C-alpha atoms as a PDB file:
ATOM      1  CA  MET A   1      14.492  19.828 -24.876  1.00  0.00           C
ATOM      2  CA  LYS A   2      15.372  16.054 -23.759  1.00  0.00           C
ATOM      3  CA  ASP A   3      13.019  13.615 -23.408  1.00  0.00           C
ATOM      4  CA  TRP A   4      10.759  13.241 -20.361  1.00  0.00           C
ATOM      5  CA  ASN A   5      12.216   9.912 -19.907  1.00  0.00           C
ATOM      6  CA  GLU A   6      15.544  10.893 -20.224  1.00  0.00           C
ATOM      7  CA  ILE A   7      14.875  13.324 -17.095  1.00  0.00           C
ATOM      8  CA  ARG A   8      17.726  12.711 -14.588  1.00  0.00           C
ATOM      9  CA  ALA A   9      16.265  14.006 -11.090  1.00  0.00           C
ATOM     10  CA  VAL A  10      12.845  14.264  -9.628  1.00  0.00           C
ATOM     11  CA  VAL A  11      11.542  17.022  -7.102  1.00  0.00           C
ATOM     12  CA  PHE A  12       8.348  16.043  -5.462  1.00  0.00           C
ATOM     13  CA  ASP A  13       5.856  18.349  -3.026  1.00  0.00           C
ATOM     14  CA  MET A  14       4.581  16.753  -0.467  1.00  0.00           C
ATOM     15  CA  ASP A  15       1.065  18.108   0.842  1.00  0.00           C
ATOM     16  CA  GLY A  16      -0.927  17.529  -2.107  1.00  0.00           C
ATOM     17  CA  VAL A  17       1.172  15.888  -4.156  1.00  0.00           C
ATOM     18  CA  ILE A  18       2.417  12.808  -1.634  1.00  0.00           C
ATOM     19  CA  PHE A  19      -0.231  13.216   0.821  1.00  0.00           C
ATOM     20  CA  ASP A  20      -3.820  14.406   0.594  1.00  0.00           C
ATOM     21  CA  SER A  21      -3.212  16.483   3.239  1.00  0.00           C
ATOM     22  CA  GLU A  22      -3.991  19.983   1.845  1.00  0.00           C
ATOM     23  CA  LEU A  23      -7.980  18.997   1.850  1.00  0.00           C
ATOM     24  CA  ALA A  24      -7.506  17.788   5.577  1.00  0.00           C
ATOM     25  CA  THR A  25      -5.807  20.620   6.874  1.00  0.00           C
ATOM     26  CA  PHE A  26      -8.125  23.034   5.252  1.00  0.00           C
ATOM     27  CA  ASN A  27     -11.292  21.079   6.575  1.00  0.00           C
ATOM     28  CA  GLU A  28      -9.063  21.842  10.280  1.00  0.00           C
ATOM     29  CA  TRP A  29      -9.140  25.646   9.285  1.00  0.00           C
ATOM     30  CA  LYS A  30     -12.717  25.084   8.180  1.00  0.00           C
ATOM     31  CA  ALA A  31     -13.741  24.069  11.730  1.00  0.00           C
ATOM     32  CA  LEU A  32     -11.480  25.999  13.709  1.00  0.00           C
ATOM     33  CA  ALA A  33     -13.455  29.437  11.882  1.00  0.00           C
ATOM     34  CA  GLU A  34     -17.024  28.100  12.291  1.00  0.00           C
ATOM     35  CA  ARG A  35     -16.020  27.607  16.019  1.00  0.00           C
ATOM     36  CA  ASN A  36     -14.477  31.065  16.152  1.00  0.00           C
ATOM     37  CA  GLY A  37     -17.004  33.127  13.646  1.00  0.00           C
ATOM     38  CA  LEU A  38     -14.395  33.379  11.286  1.00  0.00           C
ATOM     39  CA  ALA A  39     -15.685  34.306   7.771  1.00  0.00           C
ATOM     40  CA  ASP A  40     -14.369  33.083   4.361  1.00  0.00           C
ATOM     41  CA  VAL A  41     -11.151  31.633   5.798  1.00  0.00           C
ATOM     42  CA  TRP A  42     -10.859  29.330   2.080  1.00  0.00           C
ATOM     43  CA  VAL A  43      -9.382  32.899   0.626  1.00  0.00           C
ATOM     44  CA  PRO A  44      -6.559  32.966   3.249  1.00  0.00           C
ATOM     45  CA  TYR A  45      -5.948  29.304   2.950  1.00  0.00           C
ATOM     46  CA  ARG A  46      -5.869  29.019  -1.007  1.00  0.00           C
ATOM     47  CA  ARG A  47      -3.107  31.573  -0.691  1.00  0.00           C
ATOM     48  CA  CYS A  48      -1.128  29.710   2.033  1.00  0.00           C
ATOM     49  CA  ILE A  49      -1.116  26.750  -0.136  1.00  0.00           C
ATOM     50  CA  GLY A  50       2.495  25.618  -1.241  1.00  0.00           C
ATOM     51  CA  VAL A  51       4.113  28.313   1.427  1.00  0.00           C
ATOM     52  CA  ASN A  52       6.074  27.615   4.578  1.00  0.00           C
ATOM     53  CA  ASN A  53       4.747  29.048   8.200  1.00  0.00           C
ATOM     54  CA  ALA A  54       6.422  32.132   8.044  1.00  0.00           C
ATOM     55  CA  ARG A  55       4.850  33.356   4.852  1.00  0.00           C
ATOM     56  CA  SER A  56       0.972  31.922   5.722  1.00  0.00           C
ATOM     57  CA  LYS A  57       1.362  33.778   8.971  1.00  0.00           C
ATOM     58  CA  GLU A  58       1.774  37.177   7.381  1.00  0.00           C
ATOM     59  CA  ILE A  59      -1.357  36.386   4.626  1.00  0.00           C
ATOM     60  CA  PHE A  60      -3.643  35.769   7.412  1.00  0.00           C
ATOM     61  CA  THR A  61      -2.556  39.101   9.234  1.00  0.00           C
ATOM     62  CA  GLU A  62      -2.881  40.804   5.913  1.00  0.00           C
ATOM     63  CA  TYR A  63      -6.726  39.272   5.355  1.00  0.00           C
ATOM     64  CA  TYR A  64      -7.579  39.076   9.095  1.00  0.00           C
ATOM     65  CA  GLY A  65      -5.611  42.257  10.354  1.00  0.00           C
ATOM     66  CA  ALA A  66      -2.575  42.364  12.638  1.00  0.00           C
ATOM     67  CA  ASP A  67      -4.347  41.380  16.040  1.00  0.00           C
ATOM     68  CA  PHE A  68      -5.504  38.101  14.096  1.00  0.00           C
ATOM     69  CA  PRO A  69      -4.067  35.280  16.487  1.00  0.00           C
ATOM     70  CA  TYR A  70      -2.509  32.932  13.739  1.00  0.00           C
ATOM     71  CA  ASP A  71       0.146  31.257  16.021  1.00  0.00           C
ATOM     72  CA  ARG A  72      -2.740  30.061  18.528  1.00  0.00           C
ATOM     73  CA  PHE A  73      -5.403  29.133  15.757  1.00  0.00           C
ATOM     74  CA  ASN A  74      -2.408  27.566  13.968  1.00  0.00           C
ATOM     75  CA  GLY A  75      -1.149  25.309  17.155  1.00  0.00           C
ATOM     76  CA  GLU A  76      -4.924  24.260  17.659  1.00  0.00           C
ATOM     77  CA  VAL A  77      -5.419  23.126  13.896  1.00  0.00           C
ATOM     78  CA  SER A  78      -2.267  21.729  13.967  1.00  0.00           C
ATOM     79  CA  ALA A  79      -2.749  19.774  17.322  1.00  0.00           C
ATOM     80  CA  SER A  80      -6.317  18.544  16.067  1.00  0.00           C
ATOM     81  CA  TYR A  81      -4.510  17.087  12.715  1.00  0.00           C
ATOM     82  CA  HIS A  82      -2.124  15.290  13.896  1.00  0.00           C
ATOM     83  CA  SER A  83      -4.130  13.848  16.483  1.00  0.00           C
ATOM     84  CA  LYS A  84      -5.724  12.808  13.308  1.00  0.00           C
ATOM     85  CA  TYR A  85      -3.038  11.591  10.711  1.00  0.00           C
ATOM     86  CA  ASP A  86       0.042  11.056  13.002  1.00  0.00           C
ATOM     87  CA  GLY A  87       1.675   7.408  12.989  1.00  0.00           C
ATOM     88  CA  GLY A  88       0.637   6.160   9.216  1.00  0.00           C
ATOM     89  CA  ARG A  89      -2.939   7.719   9.599  1.00  0.00           C
ATOM     90  CA  LEU A  90      -2.400  10.072   6.623  1.00  0.00           C
ATOM     91  CA  PRO A  91      -3.813   8.922   3.365  1.00  0.00           C
ATOM     92  CA  VAL A  92      -1.564   8.412   0.509  1.00  0.00           C
ATOM     93  CA  LYS A  93      -1.906   9.590  -2.699  1.00  0.00           C
ATOM     94  CA  PRO A  94      -3.352   7.116  -5.213  1.00  0.00           C
ATOM     95  CA  GLY A  95      -0.089   5.957  -7.701  1.00  0.00           C
ATOM     96  CA  VAL A  96       2.787   7.441  -5.121  1.00  0.00           C
ATOM     97  CA  TYR A  97       4.148   3.596  -4.030  1.00  0.00           C
ATOM     98  CA  ALA A  98       4.250   2.574  -7.852  1.00  0.00           C
ATOM     99  CA  LEU A  99       5.655   6.198  -9.343  1.00  0.00           C
ATOM    100  CA  LEU A 100       8.322   5.749  -6.924  1.00  0.00           C
ATOM    101  CA  THR A 101       9.550   2.435  -7.142  1.00  0.00           C
ATOM    102  CA  GLY A 102       9.597   2.471 -11.279  1.00  0.00           C
ATOM    103  CA  LEU A 103      11.674   6.174 -10.979  1.00  0.00           C
ATOM    104  CA  ARG A 104      14.091   4.394  -8.122  1.00  0.00           C
ATOM    105  CA  SER A 105      14.599   1.385 -10.563  1.00  0.00           C
ATOM    106  CA  GLU A 106      15.500   3.652 -13.579  1.00  0.00           C
ATOM    107  CA  GLY A 107      17.863   5.129 -11.215  1.00  0.00           C
ATOM    108  CA  LYS A 108      16.578   8.540 -10.916  1.00  0.00           C
ATOM    109  CA  TYR A 109      18.093  11.148  -8.344  1.00  0.00           C
ATOM    110  CA  LEU A 110      14.591  11.865  -5.950  1.00  0.00           C
ATOM    111  CA  ALA A 111      14.423  14.595  -3.812  1.00  0.00           C
ATOM    112  CA  LEU A 112      11.554  15.803  -1.898  1.00  0.00           C
ATOM    113  CA  ALA A 113      10.632  19.749  -0.921  1.00  0.00           C
ATOM    114  CA  SER A 114       8.237  20.535   1.019  1.00  0.00           C
ATOM    115  CA  SER A 115       7.388  24.047   2.749  1.00  0.00           C
ATOM    116  CA  THR A 116       6.043  22.279   5.918  1.00  0.00           C
ATOM    117  CA  ARG A 117       8.595  21.747   8.897  1.00  0.00           C
ATOM    118  CA  THR A 118      11.326  18.841   7.818  1.00  0.00           C
ATOM    119  CA  GLU A 119      10.899  17.158  11.465  1.00  0.00           C
ATOM    120  CA  THR A 120       6.892  16.745  10.280  1.00  0.00           C
ATOM    121  CA  VAL A 121       8.398  16.185   6.919  1.00  0.00           C
ATOM    122  CA  LYS A 122      10.351  12.934   7.691  1.00  0.00           C
ATOM    123  CA  ASN A 123       7.974  11.801  10.238  1.00  0.00           C
ATOM    124  CA  GLN A 124       5.166  11.526   7.766  1.00  0.00           C
ATOM    125  CA  LEU A 125       7.594   9.998   5.133  1.00  0.00           C
ATOM    126  CA  ARG A 126       8.868   7.607   7.752  1.00  0.00           C
ATOM    127  CA  ASP A 127       5.324   6.493   8.510  1.00  0.00           C
ATOM    128  CA  ALA A 128       4.286   5.906   5.068  1.00  0.00           C
ATOM    129  CA  GLY A 129       7.385   3.682   4.849  1.00  0.00           C
ATOM    130  CA  LEU A 130       8.554   6.520   2.084  1.00  0.00           C
ATOM    131  CA  LEU A 131      10.965   8.438   3.819  1.00  0.00           C
ATOM    132  CA  ASP A 132      14.289   5.653   2.306  1.00  0.00           C
ATOM    133  CA  CYS A 133      12.677   6.556  -0.924  1.00  0.00           C
ATOM    134  CA  PHE A 134      14.367   9.945  -1.208  1.00  0.00           C
ATOM    135  CA  ASP A 135      18.283  10.953  -1.835  1.00  0.00           C
ATOM    136  CA  ARG A 136      17.335  14.330  -0.319  1.00  0.00           C
ATOM    137  CA  VAL A 137      14.701  16.071   1.758  1.00  0.00           C
ATOM    138  CA  VAL A 138      14.272  19.973   2.490  1.00  0.00           C
ATOM    139  CA  GLY A 139      11.622  21.536   4.732  1.00  0.00           C
ATOM    140  CA  GLY A 140      10.858  24.588   4.600  1.00  0.00           C
ATOM    141  CA  ASP A 141      12.500  25.669   7.974  1.00  0.00           C
ATOM    142  CA  MET A 142      15.513  25.029   6.208  1.00  0.00           C
ATOM    143  CA  ILE A 143      15.152  27.815   3.755  1.00  0.00           C
ATOM    144  CA  ALA A 144      15.050  31.173   4.001  1.00  0.00           C
ATOM    145  CA  ARG A 145      12.555  32.025   0.970  1.00  0.00           C
ATOM    146  CA  SER A 146       9.611  30.376   1.056  1.00  0.00           C
ATOM    147  CA  LYS A 147       7.919  29.113  -2.261  1.00  0.00           C
ATOM    148  CA  PRO A 148       7.567  31.055  -4.854  1.00  0.00           C
ATOM    149  CA  ALA A 149      11.024  31.423  -4.505  1.00  0.00           C
ATOM    150  CA  PRO A 150      13.240  28.759  -6.663  1.00  0.00           C
ATOM    151  CA  ASP A 151      15.879  28.076  -3.146  1.00  0.00           C
ATOM    152  CA  ILE A 152      13.903  24.958  -1.660  1.00  0.00           C
ATOM    153  CA  PHE A 153      14.044  23.035  -5.353  1.00  0.00           C
ATOM    154  CA  LEU A 154      17.958  24.293  -6.040  1.00  0.00           C
ATOM    155  CA  ALA A 155      18.425  23.453  -2.500  1.00  0.00           C
ATOM    156  CA  ALA A 156      16.780  19.625  -3.165  1.00  0.00           C
ATOM    157  CA  ILE A 157      19.562  18.972  -6.062  1.00  0.00           C
ATOM    158  CA  GLU A 158      22.630  21.045  -4.490  1.00  0.00           C
ATOM    159  CA  GLY A 159      25.656  18.718  -4.460  1.00  0.00           C
ATOM    160  CA  SER A 160      23.529  16.309  -7.149  1.00  0.00           C
ATOM    161  CA  GLY A 161      25.616  17.214  -9.904  1.00  0.00           C
ATOM    162  CA  ILE A 162      22.322  17.013 -12.162  1.00  0.00           C
ATOM    163  CA  ASP A 163      21.810  20.413 -13.859  1.00  0.00           C
ATOM    164  CA  ARG A 164      18.314  21.752 -12.835  1.00  0.00           C
ATOM    165  CA  GLY A 165      17.362  22.034 -16.640  1.00  0.00           C
ATOM    166  CA  ASP A 166      17.047  17.992 -16.311  1.00  0.00           C
ATOM    167  CA  CYS A 167      15.140  17.880 -13.509  1.00  0.00           C
ATOM    168  CA  ALA A 168      11.156  17.746 -13.091  1.00  0.00           C
ATOM    169  CA  VAL A 169       9.538  19.218 -10.190  1.00  0.00           C
ATOM    170  CA  ILE A 170       5.997  17.470  -9.123  1.00  0.00           C
ATOM    171  CA  GLU A 171       3.489  20.222  -7.690  1.00  0.00           C
ATOM    172  CA  ASP A 172      -0.290  20.643  -7.028  1.00  0.00           C
ATOM    173  CA  SER A 173       0.181  24.326  -6.156  1.00  0.00           C
ATOM    174  CA  PHE A 174       0.424  27.753  -7.653  1.00  0.00           C
ATOM    175  CA  ASN A 175       3.352  28.323  -5.677  1.00  0.00           C
ATOM    176  CA  GLY A 176       5.554  25.564  -6.339  1.00  0.00           C
ATOM    177  CA  ILE A 177       4.879  25.580 -10.252  1.00  0.00           C
ATOM    178  CA  ARG A 178       6.076  29.385  -9.667  1.00  0.00           C
ATOM    179  CA  ALA A 179       9.125  28.318  -8.162  1.00  0.00           C
ATOM    180  CA  ALA A 180       9.759  25.234 -10.387  1.00  0.00           C
ATOM    181  CA  HIS A 181       9.821  27.513 -13.144  1.00  0.00           C
ATOM    182  CA  ALA A 182      11.986  30.439 -11.909  1.00  0.00           C
ATOM    183  CA  ALA A 183      14.193  27.506 -10.971  1.00  0.00           C
ATOM    184  CA  GLY A 184      14.715  26.857 -14.490  1.00  0.00           C
ATOM    185  CA  MET A 185      13.449  23.070 -13.945  1.00  0.00           C
ATOM    186  CA  ARG A 186      10.611  21.587 -15.562  1.00  0.00           C
ATOM    187  CA  PRO A 187       7.446  21.996 -13.703  1.00  0.00           C
ATOM    188  CA  ILE A 188       4.412  19.116 -13.485  1.00  0.00           C
ATOM    189  CA  MET A 189       1.514  20.191 -12.623  1.00  0.00           C
ATOM    190  CA  VAL A 190      -0.995  17.704 -10.824  1.00  0.00           C
ATOM    191  CA  PRO A 191      -3.774  19.968  -9.576  1.00  0.00           C
ATOM    192  CA  ASP A 192      -5.427  18.960  -5.803  1.00  0.00           C
ATOM    193  CA  LEU A 193      -7.434  21.935  -4.385  1.00  0.00           C
ATOM    194  CA  LEU A 194      -6.578  24.460  -7.173  1.00  0.00           C
ATOM    195  CA  GLU A 195      -7.620  23.942 -10.764  1.00  0.00           C
ATOM    196  CA  PRO A 196      -5.009  25.380 -13.186  1.00  0.00           C
ATOM    197  CA  ASP A 197      -5.819  28.536 -14.786  1.00  0.00           C
ATOM    198  CA  ASP A 198      -3.878  30.664 -17.586  1.00  0.00           C
ATOM    199  CA  GLU A 199      -1.038  31.433 -15.653  1.00  0.00           C
ATOM    200  CA  MET A 200      -0.052  28.006 -14.771  1.00  0.00           C
ATOM    201  CA  ARG A 201      -0.771  26.920 -18.211  1.00  0.00           C
ATOM    202  CA  THR A 202       2.035  29.053 -19.307  1.00  0.00           C
ATOM    203  CA  LEU A 203       4.508  27.919 -16.921  1.00  0.00           C
ATOM    204  CA  ALA A 204       3.449  23.973 -16.433  1.00  0.00           C
ATOM    205  CA  ALA A 205       5.380  22.485 -18.769  1.00  0.00           C
ATOM    206  CA  VAL A 206       2.510  20.017 -18.411  1.00  0.00           C
ATOM    207  CA  ILE A 207      -0.779  19.374 -16.629  1.00  0.00           C
ATOM    208  CA  LEU A 208      -1.444  15.729 -15.534  1.00  0.00           C
ATOM    209  CA  PRO A 209      -4.375  14.307 -14.141  1.00  0.00           C
ATOM    210  CA  ASP A 210      -3.041  12.026 -11.571  1.00  0.00           C
ATOM    211  CA  LEU A 211       0.126  10.107 -10.602  1.00  0.00           C
ATOM    212  CA  ASP A 212      -0.226   7.069 -12.822  1.00  0.00           C
ATOM    213  CA  ALA A 213      -0.048   9.709 -15.528  1.00  0.00           C
ATOM    214  CA  VAL A 214       3.195  11.179 -14.593  1.00  0.00           C
ATOM    215  CA  ARG A 215       4.600   7.723 -14.120  1.00  0.00           C
ATOM    216  CA  GLU A 216       3.603   6.887 -17.918  1.00  0.00           C
ATOM    217  CA  LEU A 217       5.413  10.046 -18.943  1.00  0.00           C
ATOM    218  CA  LEU A 218       8.980  10.184 -16.761  1.00  0.00           C
ATOM    219  CA  CYS A 219       9.106   6.184 -16.744  1.00  0.00           C
ATOM    220  CA  ARG A 220      10.540   4.590 -19.629  1.00  0.00           C
ATOM    221  CA  ASN A 221       8.299   1.293 -18.972  1.00  0.00           C
ATOM    222  CA  GLY A 222       5.517   3.242 -18.306  1.00  0.00           C
END
């Protein structure tokens, strides 16, 4: 196995890794649940972390029933979220800029693979001044199978000429770690809302507390 600083490509998840957006989104669902008398909204929400919108709809309707108005509720959540955080107001996770700068300075191929819609992904990265850091951006609407299928990570390095074994993936979600492992890449878990369990400790190549620790692992100069 190669040393970590010999990795040729690094694929980032976005929500919960680049941006502190998982908590912001959950807070919107929590407020909606309180307004509409929905019990235990955390239970389905936690299963949606790291998956695309189509799979999220399935999870919510499985939990609350087929008549659950997911599209309307999700639209309300999305509208409130974007009104608060668009235009560069979405908090960036500590260490993001230093990590991206360090990896780019060493000539790593950088990609972003998010279950969020591509248009939203690019807008949020652009607002934060991060879009040009990535060689390729893949959104959830570009992939038929959501995480934990490996498709989105394989698409992220498609055409790069880089072997999947030379690729690290930075993820916070269980489904993301499962997908990275299934892709034959080297999953790095940086937990956000979900604390790692025994499965994650098995599937992740390493679990680190923050992005500064990731920089120390992947960059020759720390």
